[in-house]
């Protein structure tokens, strides 16, 4: 099965080499040249793994990892010239799965990436379901069903739905949802939540009625 890999690296030549190598193995690499672009791609797509440079201008890899881990369990491998023990410990503390120091061997990086993907795919837990209001989430597979119909959600829509289901019958403010589902200092308005909730309701169809708007307070999912 082909794997979809997000490669986040500000050095264009290295990014090209990495993409060419993974493509030659039959995988589907997607490029991001900085942290902001990486977060946008992760918001709109599902990936099997992320190869993440740490030292990037603007939003660095550490902050990208911190943001991603607020909503996504995708395997992350740091690619960096930082080799001090404290740097590695910080990377693991933020949620990275592995740490590869530059320069590295492509074959070793590839083997590490495939091992993490394989482990992640096998990590299916018993009782790995959430159900409420006719909606079912299969957490390990990140699958969503409205009744018996599978629904395709963006990662942000999925994160919002999961958060509402985890806090069933509790009112969640827009600010709480931003913190839990965006996972970083959002530079826009909290009304962004309204836009995503609207799209979520449209996709859930007949099951969308369980997501209630609480005037001047936020949203809740009734189960």
N, C-alpha and C. Protein backbone atom coordinates (compact mmCIF):
# COMPACT_ATOMS: atom_id res chain seq x y z
N UNK A 1 0.84 -1.20 0.00
CA UNK A 1 0.00 0.00 0.00
C UNK A 1 0.87 1.25 0.00
N UNK A 2 0.63 2.15 -0.95
CA UNK A 2 1.42 3.37 -1.03
C UNK A 2 1.16 4.26 0.19
N UNK A 3 2.21 4.88 0.67
CA UNK A 3 2.11 5.76 1.83
C UNK A 3 2.20 7.21 1.39
N UNK A 4 1.40 8.06 2.01
CA UNK A 4 1.42 9.48 1.71
C UNK A 4 2.25 10.19 2.76
N UNK A 5 3.38 10.75 2.34
CA UNK A 5 4.36 11.32 3.26
C UNK A 5 4.44 12.84 3.07
N UNK A 6 4.30 13.59 4.15
CA UNK A 6 4.51 15.04 4.09
C UNK A 6 5.97 15.33 4.43
N UNK A 7 6.68 15.97 3.52
CA UNK A 7 8.09 16.30 3.71
C UNK A 7 8.22 17.81 3.90
N UNK A 8 8.58 18.21 5.11
CA UNK A 8 8.65 19.63 5.47
C UNK A 8 10.12 20.01 5.62
N UNK A 9 10.63 20.74 4.66
CA UNK A 9 12.06 21.07 4.62
C UNK A 9 12.24 22.36 3.84
N UNK A 10 12.91 23.37 4.46
CA UNK A 10 13.06 24.65 3.78
C UNK A 10 14.18 24.66 2.76
N UNK A 11 15.09 23.68 2.82
CA UNK A 11 16.17 23.59 1.83
C UNK A 11 15.64 22.87 0.59
N UNK A 12 15.49 23.62 -0.50
CA UNK A 12 14.83 23.11 -1.69
C UNK A 12 15.50 21.86 -2.26
N UNK A 13 16.83 21.85 -2.31
CA UNK A 13 17.54 20.71 -2.92
C UNK A 13 17.31 19.44 -2.11
N UNK A 14 17.43 19.53 -0.78
CA UNK A 14 17.21 18.35 0.06
C UNK A 14 15.76 17.89 -0.03
N UNK A 15 14.86 18.83 -0.08
CA UNK A 15 13.44 18.48 -0.21
C UNK A 15 13.19 17.71 -1.50
N UNK A 16 13.83 18.14 -2.56
CA UNK A 16 13.69 17.47 -3.86
C UNK A 16 14.26 16.06 -3.81
N UNK A 17 15.43 15.91 -3.18
CA UNK A 17 16.06 14.59 -3.08
C UNK A 17 15.18 13.63 -2.27
N UNK A 18 14.64 14.12 -1.17
CA UNK A 18 13.77 13.29 -0.33
C UNK A 18 12.52 12.85 -1.10
N UNK A 19 11.91 13.79 -1.79
CA UNK A 19 10.72 13.46 -2.56
C UNK A 19 11.02 12.44 -3.65
N UNK A 20 12.12 12.64 -4.35
CA UNK A 20 12.50 11.71 -5.42
C UNK A 20 12.73 10.31 -4.87
N UNK A 21 13.36 10.22 -3.69
CA UNK A 21 13.66 8.90 -3.11
C UNK A 21 12.37 8.18 -2.72
N UNK A 22 11.48 8.86 -2.02
CA UNK A 22 10.24 8.21 -1.59
C UNK A 22 9.35 7.89 -2.79
N UNK A 23 9.39 8.75 -3.80
CA UNK A 23 8.60 8.48 -5.01
C UNK A 23 9.14 7.24 -5.73
N UNK A 24 10.45 7.06 -5.71
CA UNK A 24 11.05 5.89 -6.37
C UNK A 24 10.66 4.58 -5.67
N UNK A 25 10.24 4.68 -4.42
CA UNK A 25 9.81 3.51 -3.66
C UNK A 25 8.31 3.25 -3.81
N UNK A 26 7.66 4.09 -4.61
CA UNK A 26 6.24 3.90 -4.84
C UNK A 26 5.34 4.66 -3.89
N UNK A 27 5.94 5.55 -3.08
CA UNK A 27 5.14 6.31 -2.13
C UNK A 27 4.74 7.66 -2.74
N UNK A 28 3.94 8.40 -1.99
CA UNK A 28 3.37 9.66 -2.48
C UNK A 28 3.84 10.82 -1.62
N UNK A 29 5.02 11.40 -1.93
CA UNK A 29 5.51 12.52 -1.14
C UNK A 29 4.80 13.83 -1.49
N UNK A 30 4.56 14.64 -0.46
CA UNK A 30 3.97 15.97 -0.64
C UNK A 30 4.92 16.97 0.01
N UNK A 31 5.23 18.05 -0.69
CA UNK A 31 6.24 19.01 -0.20
C UNK A 31 5.61 20.17 0.57
N UNK A 32 6.33 20.62 1.60
CA UNK A 32 6.03 21.88 2.29
C UNK A 32 7.36 22.56 2.56
N UNK A 33 7.46 23.83 2.21
CA UNK A 33 8.74 24.53 2.35
C UNK A 33 8.88 25.28 3.66
N UNK A 34 7.80 25.35 4.45
CA UNK A 34 7.89 26.00 5.75
C UNK A 34 6.79 25.48 6.66
N UNK A 35 6.84 25.90 7.92
CA UNK A 35 5.90 25.40 8.91
C UNK A 35 4.47 25.77 8.65
N UNK A 36 4.22 26.99 8.21
CA UNK A 36 2.86 27.44 7.95
C UNK A 36 2.21 26.60 6.86
N UNK A 37 2.96 26.35 5.79
CA UNK A 37 2.44 25.54 4.70
C UNK A 37 2.18 24.11 5.17
N UNK A 38 3.05 23.61 6.04
CA UNK A 38 2.88 22.26 6.57
C UNK A 38 1.57 22.15 7.35
N UNK A 39 1.29 23.12 8.22
CA UNK A 39 0.06 23.08 9.01
C UNK A 39 -1.18 23.18 8.13
N UNK A 40 -1.09 23.97 7.08
CA UNK A 40 -2.22 24.08 6.15
C UNK A 40 -2.48 22.74 5.46
N UNK A 41 -1.42 22.09 5.00
CA UNK A 41 -1.57 20.80 4.33
C UNK A 41 -2.11 19.74 5.29
N UNK A 42 -1.65 19.77 6.54
CA UNK A 42 -2.13 18.81 7.53
C UNK A 42 -3.58 19.07 7.91
N UNK A 43 -4.00 20.31 7.78
CA UNK A 43 -5.38 20.66 8.07
C UNK A 43 -6.32 20.14 6.99
N UNK A 44 -5.80 20.01 5.76
CA UNK A 44 -6.64 19.68 4.62
C UNK A 44 -6.49 18.24 4.14
N UNK A 45 -5.47 17.51 4.65
CA UNK A 45 -5.18 16.18 4.12
C UNK A 45 -4.82 15.21 5.24
N UNK A 46 -4.94 13.93 4.94
CA UNK A 46 -4.47 12.87 5.83
C UNK A 46 -3.14 12.36 5.32
N UNK A 47 -2.15 12.21 6.22
CA UNK A 47 -0.85 11.68 5.85
C UNK A 47 -0.51 10.46 6.70
N UNK A 48 0.33 9.59 6.15
CA UNK A 48 0.77 8.42 6.89
C UNK A 48 1.97 8.72 7.77
N UNK A 49 2.73 9.76 7.42
CA UNK A 49 3.90 10.16 8.21
C UNK A 49 4.32 11.57 7.81
N UNK A 50 5.05 12.23 8.72
CA UNK A 50 5.58 13.57 8.46
C UNK A 50 7.07 13.56 8.74
N UNK A 51 7.86 13.99 7.76
CA UNK A 51 9.30 14.21 7.95
C UNK A 51 9.47 15.71 8.13
N UNK A 52 9.95 16.12 9.30
CA UNK A 52 9.85 17.52 9.71
C UNK A 52 11.20 18.11 10.09
N UNK A 53 11.66 19.05 9.30
CA UNK A 53 12.87 19.80 9.63
C UNK A 53 12.60 20.68 10.85
N UNK A 54 13.59 20.83 11.71
CA UNK A 54 13.38 21.67 12.90
C UNK A 54 13.72 23.13 12.62
N UNK A 55 14.89 23.38 12.05
CA UNK A 55 15.37 24.75 11.89
C UNK A 55 14.86 25.36 10.59
N UNK A 56 13.69 26.01 10.70
CA UNK A 56 13.08 26.68 9.56
C UNK A 56 12.74 28.11 9.96
N UNK A 57 12.81 29.04 9.02
CA UNK A 57 12.44 30.43 9.34
C UNK A 57 10.95 30.52 9.63
N UNK A 58 10.58 31.51 10.45
CA UNK A 58 9.17 31.67 10.79
C UNK A 58 8.75 30.65 11.82
N UNK A 59 7.85 29.77 11.46
CA UNK A 59 7.36 28.73 12.36
C UNK A 59 8.28 27.52 12.25
N UNK A 60 9.04 27.24 13.30
CA UNK A 60 10.00 26.14 13.22
C UNK A 60 9.34 24.79 13.46
N UNK A 61 10.12 23.72 13.28
CA UNK A 61 9.58 22.37 13.37
C UNK A 61 9.06 22.02 14.75
N UNK A 62 9.66 22.56 15.79
CA UNK A 62 9.21 22.28 17.15
C UNK A 62 7.79 22.79 17.37
N UNK A 63 7.53 24.00 16.89
CA UNK A 63 6.19 24.56 17.04
C UNK A 63 5.18 23.87 16.13
N UNK A 64 5.63 23.43 14.97
CA UNK A 64 4.74 22.66 14.09
C UNK A 64 4.34 21.36 14.79
N UNK A 65 5.31 20.67 15.38
CA UNK A 65 5.04 19.42 16.07
C UNK A 65 4.07 19.64 17.23
N UNK A 66 4.29 20.71 17.98
CA UNK A 66 3.41 21.01 19.11
C UNK A 66 1.98 21.24 18.62
N UNK A 67 1.84 21.96 17.51
CA UNK A 67 0.52 22.24 16.96
C UNK A 67 -0.15 20.97 16.46
N UNK A 68 0.60 20.15 15.74
CA UNK A 68 0.04 18.92 15.17
C UNK A 68 -0.45 17.98 16.26
N UNK A 69 0.34 17.86 17.32
CA UNK A 69 -0.01 16.91 18.37
C UNK A 69 -1.27 17.31 19.14
N UNK A 70 -1.75 18.52 18.92
CA UNK A 70 -3.01 18.90 19.55
C UNK A 70 -4.20 18.19 18.92
N UNK A 71 -4.05 17.73 17.67
CA UNK A 71 -5.21 17.16 16.97
C UNK A 71 -4.91 15.90 16.19
N UNK A 72 -3.65 15.49 16.07
CA UNK A 72 -3.30 14.46 15.10
C UNK A 72 -2.21 13.54 15.66
N UNK A 73 -2.40 12.23 15.46
CA UNK A 73 -1.44 11.24 15.95
C UNK A 73 -0.52 10.72 14.84
N UNK A 74 -0.46 11.43 13.72
CA UNK A 74 0.38 10.99 12.61
C UNK A 74 1.83 10.84 13.07
N UNK A 75 2.54 9.77 12.65
CA UNK A 75 3.96 9.63 13.01
C UNK A 75 4.79 10.81 12.50
N UNK A 76 5.65 11.33 13.38
CA UNK A 76 6.51 12.47 13.02
C UNK A 76 7.97 12.10 13.26
N UNK A 77 8.79 12.32 12.24
CA UNK A 77 10.24 12.13 12.37
C UNK A 77 10.91 13.49 12.16
N UNK A 78 11.67 13.93 13.16
CA UNK A 78 12.42 15.17 13.01
C UNK A 78 13.67 14.94 12.17
N UNK A 79 13.92 15.85 11.25
CA UNK A 79 15.16 15.87 10.47
C UNK A 79 15.91 17.14 10.87
N UNK A 80 17.10 16.99 11.44
CA UNK A 80 17.76 18.19 11.96
C UNK A 80 19.26 18.01 12.10
N UNK A 81 19.95 19.15 12.10
CA UNK A 81 21.39 19.16 12.35
C UNK A 81 21.68 19.24 13.84
N UNK A 82 20.64 19.47 14.66
CA UNK A 82 20.82 19.55 16.11
C UNK A 82 20.99 18.15 16.68
N UNK A 83 22.13 17.91 17.31
CA UNK A 83 22.41 16.54 17.77
C UNK A 83 22.59 16.44 19.29
N UNK A 84 22.48 17.58 20.00
CA UNK A 84 22.65 17.55 21.45
C UNK A 84 21.52 16.76 22.09
N UNK A 85 21.84 16.11 23.21
CA UNK A 85 20.86 15.27 23.88
C UNK A 85 19.63 16.06 24.30
N UNK A 86 19.82 17.31 24.77
CA UNK A 86 18.68 18.10 25.23
C UNK A 86 17.74 18.44 24.08
N UNK A 87 18.32 18.61 22.85
CA UNK A 87 17.48 18.88 21.68
C UNK A 87 16.62 17.67 21.35
N UNK A 88 17.21 16.47 21.43
CA UNK A 88 16.46 15.26 21.16
C UNK A 88 15.36 15.04 22.20
N UNK A 89 15.70 15.27 23.45
CA UNK A 89 14.71 15.09 24.51
C UNK A 89 13.53 16.04 24.35
N UNK A 90 13.82 17.28 23.93
CA UNK A 90 12.75 18.24 23.70
C UNK A 90 11.86 17.76 22.57
N UNK A 91 12.48 17.24 21.50
CA UNK A 91 11.71 16.72 20.37
C UNK A 91 10.77 15.62 20.78
N UNK A 92 11.26 14.68 21.58
CA UNK A 92 10.42 13.57 22.04
C UNK A 92 9.33 14.08 22.99
N UNK A 93 9.68 15.06 23.80
CA UNK A 93 8.71 15.62 24.75
C UNK A 93 7.54 16.26 24.02
N UNK A 94 7.81 16.85 22.86
CA UNK A 94 6.77 17.51 22.08
C UNK A 94 5.92 16.52 21.28
N UNK A 95 6.35 15.26 21.25
CA UNK A 95 5.53 14.26 20.59
C UNK A 95 6.12 13.64 19.35
N UNK A 96 7.39 13.92 19.04
CA UNK A 96 8.01 13.29 17.87
C UNK A 96 8.19 11.79 18.12
N UNK A 97 8.11 11.01 17.06
CA UNK A 97 8.26 9.56 17.18
C UNK A 97 9.70 9.11 16.97
N UNK A 98 10.47 9.89 16.21
CA UNK A 98 11.86 9.55 15.97
C UNK A 98 12.62 10.81 15.62
N UNK A 99 13.95 10.70 15.62
CA UNK A 99 14.82 11.86 15.48
C UNK A 99 16.02 11.44 14.64
N UNK A 100 16.14 12.01 13.43
CA UNK A 100 17.22 11.64 12.52
C UNK A 100 18.12 12.86 12.31
N UNK A 101 19.38 12.68 12.61
CA UNK A 101 20.34 13.79 12.54
C UNK A 101 20.98 13.87 11.16
N UNK A 102 21.05 15.09 10.60
CA UNK A 102 21.73 15.33 9.33
C UNK A 102 23.23 15.30 9.53
N UNK A 103 24.01 14.78 8.57
CA UNK A 103 23.55 14.07 7.37
C UNK A 103 23.09 12.66 7.71
N UNK A 104 22.15 12.14 6.93
CA UNK A 104 21.62 10.81 7.19
C UNK A 104 21.62 9.99 5.90
N UNK A 105 21.45 8.70 6.06
CA UNK A 105 21.37 7.79 4.92
C UNK A 105 19.92 7.61 4.53
N UNK A 106 19.63 7.77 3.25
CA UNK A 106 18.26 7.69 2.78
C UNK A 106 17.62 6.35 3.11
N UNK A 107 18.38 5.28 2.96
CA UNK A 107 17.82 3.95 3.21
C UNK A 107 17.41 3.78 4.67
N UNK A 108 18.21 4.34 5.58
CA UNK A 108 17.89 4.26 7.01
C UNK A 108 16.65 5.10 7.32
N UNK A 109 16.60 6.30 6.78
CA UNK A 109 15.43 7.17 6.98
C UNK A 109 14.17 6.49 6.46
N UNK A 110 14.28 5.88 5.29
CA UNK A 110 13.13 5.21 4.70
C UNK A 110 12.67 4.04 5.59
N UNK A 111 13.63 3.27 6.08
CA UNK A 111 13.29 2.11 6.93
C UNK A 111 12.61 2.57 8.21
N UNK A 112 13.12 3.64 8.82
CA UNK A 112 12.50 4.18 10.04
C UNK A 112 11.07 4.66 9.76
N UNK A 113 10.89 5.33 8.63
CA UNK A 113 9.57 5.86 8.27
C UNK A 113 8.57 4.73 8.06
N UNK A 114 8.97 3.72 7.31
CA UNK A 114 8.07 2.60 7.03
C UNK A 114 7.73 1.82 8.31
N UNK A 115 8.70 1.70 9.21
CA UNK A 115 8.46 0.98 10.47
C UNK A 115 7.42 1.72 11.31
N UNK A 116 7.52 3.05 11.35
CA UNK A 116 6.56 3.83 12.12
C UNK A 116 5.16 3.75 11.51
N UNK A 117 5.10 3.80 10.18
CA UNK A 117 3.81 3.71 9.50
C UNK A 117 3.17 2.34 9.77
N UNK A 118 3.97 1.29 9.67
CA UNK A 118 3.46 -0.06 9.91
C UNK A 118 2.94 -0.20 11.34
N UNK A 119 3.71 0.32 12.29
CA UNK A 119 3.30 0.24 13.69
C UNK A 119 2.01 1.02 13.92
N UNK A 120 1.91 2.19 13.31
CA UNK A 120 0.75 3.03 13.50
C UNK A 120 -0.51 2.38 12.93
N UNK A 121 -0.36 1.71 11.79
CA UNK A 121 -1.51 1.05 11.16
C UNK A 121 -1.99 -0.14 11.98
N UNK A 122 -1.08 -0.76 12.70
CA UNK A 122 -1.45 -1.92 13.50
C UNK A 122 -2.00 -1.54 14.87
N UNK A 123 -1.88 -0.27 15.20
CA UNK A 123 -2.26 0.18 16.54
C UNK A 123 -3.78 0.37 16.65
N UNK A 124 -4.51 -0.73 16.46
CA UNK A 124 -5.96 -0.69 16.56
C UNK A 124 -6.36 -1.25 17.92
N UNK A 125 -6.98 -0.45 18.72
CA UNK A 125 -7.31 -0.84 20.08
C UNK A 125 -8.73 -1.36 20.17
N UNK A 126 -8.97 -2.29 21.09
CA UNK A 126 -10.32 -2.75 21.33
C UNK A 126 -11.12 -1.62 21.97
N UNK A 127 -12.40 -1.58 21.68
CA UNK A 127 -13.23 -0.49 22.19
C UNK A 127 -12.88 0.83 21.55
N UNK A 128 -12.39 0.78 20.32
CA UNK A 128 -11.88 1.96 19.64
C UNK A 128 -12.99 2.67 18.86
N UNK A 129 -14.10 2.93 19.53
CA UNK A 129 -15.24 3.56 18.88
C UNK A 129 -15.88 4.57 19.82
N UNK A 130 -16.42 5.62 19.20
CA UNK A 130 -17.24 6.57 19.92
C UNK A 130 -18.55 6.70 19.15
N UNK A 131 -19.66 6.70 19.87
CA UNK A 131 -20.97 6.79 19.23
C UNK A 131 -21.85 7.79 19.96
N UNK A 132 -22.54 8.61 19.18
CA UNK A 132 -23.49 9.57 19.75
C UNK A 132 -24.33 10.15 18.62
N UNK A 133 -25.63 10.26 18.87
CA UNK A 133 -26.51 10.93 17.91
C UNK A 133 -26.51 10.31 16.53
N UNK A 134 -26.29 9.00 16.44
CA UNK A 134 -26.25 8.34 15.14
C UNK A 134 -24.92 8.45 14.44
N UNK A 135 -23.94 9.09 15.09
CA UNK A 135 -22.60 9.27 14.51
C UNK A 135 -21.65 8.28 15.17
N UNK A 136 -20.80 7.66 14.38
CA UNK A 136 -19.80 6.72 14.90
C UNK A 136 -18.42 7.16 14.45
N UNK A 137 -17.47 7.21 15.39
CA UNK A 137 -16.07 7.46 15.09
C UNK A 137 -15.28 6.18 15.37
N UNK A 138 -14.51 5.72 14.40
CA UNK A 138 -13.55 4.64 14.61
C UNK A 138 -12.19 5.31 14.73
N UNK A 139 -11.72 5.43 15.96
CA UNK A 139 -10.61 6.32 16.27
C UNK A 139 -9.30 5.93 15.59
N UNK A 140 -8.92 4.66 15.66
CA UNK A 140 -7.63 4.26 15.09
C UNK A 140 -7.59 4.47 13.59
N UNK A 141 -8.72 4.21 12.93
CA UNK A 141 -8.77 4.35 11.47
C UNK A 141 -9.21 5.75 11.04
N UNK A 142 -9.59 6.58 12.03
CA UNK A 142 -10.05 7.94 11.74
C UNK A 142 -11.20 7.92 10.74
N UNK A 143 -12.11 6.99 10.93
CA UNK A 143 -13.28 6.86 10.08
C UNK A 143 -14.49 7.45 10.78
N UNK A 144 -15.38 8.07 10.00
CA UNK A 144 -16.59 8.67 10.54
C UNK A 144 -17.79 8.14 9.76
N UNK A 145 -18.83 7.77 10.49
CA UNK A 145 -20.05 7.27 9.86
C UNK A 145 -21.25 8.04 10.40
N UNK A 146 -22.09 8.52 9.49
CA UNK A 146 -23.38 9.11 9.85
C UNK A 146 -24.41 8.04 9.52
N UNK A 147 -24.94 7.41 10.56
CA UNK A 147 -25.74 6.21 10.33
C UNK A 147 -24.82 5.12 9.81
N UNK A 148 -25.12 4.59 8.64
CA UNK A 148 -24.27 3.57 8.02
C UNK A 148 -23.43 4.12 6.88
N UNK A 149 -23.51 5.43 6.66
CA UNK A 149 -22.81 6.07 5.55
C UNK A 149 -21.49 6.66 6.02
N UNK A 150 -20.39 6.27 5.37
CA UNK A 150 -19.09 6.86 5.72
C UNK A 150 -19.03 8.30 5.23
N UNK A 151 -18.48 9.16 6.07
CA UNK A 151 -18.40 10.59 5.77
C UNK A 151 -16.92 11.00 5.71
N UNK A 152 -16.55 11.71 4.66
CA UNK A 152 -15.17 12.18 4.51
C UNK A 152 -15.04 13.57 5.14
N UNK A 153 -14.22 13.66 6.19
CA UNK A 153 -14.00 14.93 6.86
C UNK A 153 -12.55 15.37 6.71
N UNK A 154 -12.33 16.69 6.73
CA UNK A 154 -10.97 17.20 6.81
C UNK A 154 -10.45 16.95 8.22
N UNK A 155 -9.13 16.96 8.43
CA UNK A 155 -8.60 16.76 9.78
C UNK A 155 -9.19 17.73 10.81
N UNK A 156 -9.42 18.99 10.43
CA UNK A 156 -9.97 19.95 11.39
C UNK A 156 -11.42 19.63 11.72
N UNK A 157 -12.20 19.24 10.71
CA UNK A 157 -13.58 18.85 10.97
C UNK A 157 -13.64 17.62 11.87
N UNK A 158 -12.74 16.67 11.61
CA UNK A 158 -12.68 15.46 12.42
C UNK A 158 -12.33 15.81 13.87
N UNK A 159 -11.35 16.70 14.04
CA UNK A 159 -10.93 17.09 15.39
C UNK A 159 -12.07 17.76 16.14
N UNK A 160 -12.82 18.62 15.46
CA UNK A 160 -13.96 19.28 16.09
C UNK A 160 -15.02 18.26 16.52
N UNK A 161 -15.35 17.34 15.61
CA UNK A 161 -16.36 16.33 15.93
C UNK A 161 -15.91 15.45 17.09
N UNK A 162 -14.64 15.03 17.06
CA UNK A 162 -14.13 14.18 18.14
C UNK A 162 -14.18 14.92 19.48
N UNK A 163 -13.80 16.19 19.47
CA UNK A 163 -13.81 16.98 20.71
C UNK A 163 -15.23 17.11 21.25
N UNK A 164 -16.20 17.39 20.38
CA UNK A 164 -17.58 17.52 20.81
C UNK A 164 -18.11 16.19 21.36
N UNK A 165 -17.73 15.07 20.72
CA UNK A 165 -18.19 13.77 21.18
C UNK A 165 -17.54 13.38 22.50
N UNK A 166 -16.29 13.75 22.68
CA UNK A 166 -15.62 13.46 23.94
C UNK A 166 -16.23 14.26 25.10
N UNK A 167 -16.83 15.38 24.77
CA UNK A 167 -17.45 16.24 25.79
C UNK A 167 -18.97 16.28 25.59
N UNK A 168 -19.53 15.14 25.26
CA UNK A 168 -20.95 15.01 24.97
C UNK A 168 -21.82 15.66 26.05
N UNK A 169 -22.79 16.45 25.59
CA UNK A 169 -23.76 17.14 26.46
C UNK A 169 -23.17 18.30 27.25
N UNK A 170 -21.90 18.62 26.99
CA UNK A 170 -21.27 19.78 27.64
C UNK A 170 -21.10 20.90 26.61
N UNK A 171 -21.33 22.13 27.05
CA UNK A 171 -21.15 23.27 26.15
C UNK A 171 -19.67 23.59 26.01
N UNK A 172 -19.20 23.67 24.77
CA UNK A 172 -17.80 24.03 24.48
C UNK A 172 -17.79 25.40 23.82
N UNK A 173 -17.06 26.33 24.41
CA UNK A 173 -16.98 27.67 23.83
C UNK A 173 -16.12 27.63 22.57
N UNK A 174 -16.25 28.66 21.77
CA UNK A 174 -15.42 28.74 20.56
C UNK A 174 -13.94 28.76 20.93
N UNK A 175 -13.61 29.48 22.00
CA UNK A 175 -12.21 29.58 22.42
C UNK A 175 -11.67 28.21 22.84
N UNK A 176 -12.48 27.44 23.57
CA UNK A 176 -12.06 26.09 23.97
C UNK A 176 -11.82 25.20 22.75
N UNK A 177 -12.71 25.30 21.77
CA UNK A 177 -12.57 24.49 20.57
C UNK A 177 -11.34 24.89 19.77
N UNK A 178 -11.05 26.19 19.74
CA UNK A 178 -9.84 26.65 19.03
C UNK A 178 -8.59 26.06 19.68
N UNK A 179 -8.52 26.14 21.01
CA UNK A 179 -7.34 25.63 21.72
C UNK A 179 -7.18 24.13 21.51
N UNK A 180 -8.29 23.39 21.63
CA UNK A 180 -8.22 21.93 21.55
C UNK A 180 -8.03 21.42 20.13
N UNK A 181 -8.59 22.12 19.15
CA UNK A 181 -8.60 21.60 17.77
C UNK A 181 -7.62 22.28 16.83
N UNK A 182 -7.25 23.52 17.13
CA UNK A 182 -6.24 24.16 16.30
C UNK A 182 -4.85 23.92 16.89
N UNK A 183 -4.79 23.91 18.21
CA UNK A 183 -3.57 23.51 18.90
C UNK A 183 -2.44 24.52 18.86
N UNK A 184 -2.68 25.72 18.42
CA UNK A 184 -1.64 26.74 18.42
C UNK A 184 -2.31 28.10 18.45
N UNK A 185 -1.53 29.16 18.57
CA UNK A 185 -2.09 30.51 18.65
C UNK A 185 -2.66 30.90 17.30
N UNK A 186 -3.96 30.78 17.17
CA UNK A 186 -4.64 31.06 15.91
C UNK A 186 -4.65 32.55 15.64
N UNK A 187 -4.26 32.94 14.44
CA UNK A 187 -4.13 34.36 14.13
C UNK A 187 -5.37 34.91 13.43
N UNK A 188 -6.49 34.28 13.61
CA UNK A 188 -7.74 34.75 13.03
C UNK A 188 -8.80 34.88 14.10
N UNK A 189 -10.05 34.95 13.67
CA UNK A 189 -11.16 35.12 14.61
C UNK A 189 -11.70 33.76 15.06
N UNK A 190 -12.29 33.76 16.24
CA UNK A 190 -12.88 32.53 16.75
C UNK A 190 -14.07 32.09 15.90
N UNK A 191 -14.57 32.98 15.06
CA UNK A 191 -15.68 32.62 14.17
C UNK A 191 -15.27 31.57 13.15
N UNK A 192 -13.99 31.30 13.04
CA UNK A 192 -13.54 30.21 12.17
C UNK A 192 -14.18 28.89 12.59
N UNK A 193 -14.45 28.77 13.89
CA UNK A 193 -15.12 27.56 14.39
C UNK A 193 -16.49 27.43 13.76
N UNK A 194 -17.21 28.57 13.63
CA UNK A 194 -18.55 28.54 13.05
C UNK A 194 -18.52 27.99 11.62
N UNK A 195 -17.52 28.42 10.86
CA UNK A 195 -17.40 27.97 9.47
C UNK A 195 -17.20 26.47 9.40
N UNK A 196 -16.32 25.94 10.26
CA UNK A 196 -16.06 24.50 10.26
C UNK A 196 -17.26 23.70 10.77
N UNK A 197 -17.97 24.25 11.75
CA UNK A 197 -19.17 23.57 12.26
C UNK A 197 -20.23 23.51 11.15
N UNK A 198 -20.37 24.58 10.39
CA UNK A 198 -21.34 24.61 9.30
C UNK A 198 -21.03 23.52 8.28
N UNK A 199 -19.75 23.40 7.90
CA UNK A 199 -19.35 22.37 6.94
C UNK A 199 -19.55 20.98 7.51
N UNK A 200 -19.26 20.84 8.79
CA UNK A 200 -19.42 19.55 9.46
C UNK A 200 -20.89 19.13 9.45
N UNK A 201 -21.77 20.05 9.75
CA UNK A 201 -23.20 19.74 9.74
C UNK A 201 -23.67 19.33 8.35
N UNK A 202 -23.18 20.04 7.33
CA UNK A 202 -23.57 19.71 5.95
C UNK A 202 -23.17 18.29 5.61
N UNK A 203 -21.98 17.87 6.04
CA UNK A 203 -21.49 16.53 5.70
C UNK A 203 -22.20 15.43 6.49
N UNK A 204 -22.61 15.75 7.71
CA UNK A 204 -23.26 14.75 8.55
C UNK A 204 -24.72 14.54 8.19
N UNK A 205 -25.29 15.46 7.40
CA UNK A 205 -26.64 15.29 6.90
C UNK A 205 -27.67 15.10 8.00
N UNK A 206 -28.49 14.03 7.92
CA UNK A 206 -29.57 13.82 8.89
C UNK A 206 -29.08 13.70 10.34
N UNK A 207 -27.81 13.36 10.53
CA UNK A 207 -27.28 13.20 11.89
C UNK A 207 -26.76 14.51 12.48
N UNK A 208 -26.82 15.57 11.70
CA UNK A 208 -26.21 16.84 12.14
C UNK A 208 -26.99 17.52 13.24
N UNK A 209 -28.26 17.10 13.43
CA UNK A 209 -29.11 17.77 14.41
C UNK A 209 -28.63 17.63 15.84
N UNK A 210 -27.73 16.65 16.08
CA UNK A 210 -27.24 16.48 17.46
C UNK A 210 -26.22 17.55 17.85
N UNK A 211 -25.70 18.30 16.87
CA UNK A 211 -24.77 19.39 17.17
C UNK A 211 -25.59 20.66 17.36
N UNK A 212 -25.67 21.11 18.59
CA UNK A 212 -26.52 22.24 18.94
C UNK A 212 -25.71 23.52 19.11
N UNK A 213 -26.27 24.62 18.65
CA UNK A 213 -25.69 25.94 18.91
C UNK A 213 -26.27 26.48 20.21
N UNK A 214 -25.40 26.88 21.12
CA UNK A 214 -25.84 27.47 22.39
C UNK A 214 -25.55 28.97 22.31
N UNK A 215 -26.61 29.76 22.21
CA UNK A 215 -26.47 31.19 21.97
C UNK A 215 -25.53 31.84 22.98
N UNK A 216 -24.57 32.61 22.45
CA UNK A 216 -23.59 33.37 23.24
C UNK A 216 -22.68 32.48 24.09
N UNK A 217 -22.69 31.18 23.81
CA UNK A 217 -21.85 30.28 24.62
C UNK A 217 -20.95 29.40 23.77
N UNK A 218 -21.49 28.80 22.71
CA UNK A 218 -20.68 27.92 21.88
C UNK A 218 -21.50 26.79 21.29
N UNK A 219 -21.00 25.56 21.41
CA UNK A 219 -21.67 24.41 20.81
C UNK A 219 -21.64 23.22 21.78
N UNK A 220 -22.60 22.33 21.58
CA UNK A 220 -22.56 21.06 22.30
C UNK A 220 -23.15 19.97 21.43
N UNK A 221 -22.70 18.74 21.67
CA UNK A 221 -23.25 17.59 20.96
C UNK A 221 -24.10 16.80 21.94
N UNK A 222 -25.38 16.64 21.59
CA UNK A 222 -26.30 15.90 22.45
C UNK A 222 -26.40 14.46 21.97
N UNK A 223 -26.22 13.52 22.91
CA UNK A 223 -26.26 12.12 22.54
C UNK A 223 -27.36 11.39 23.29
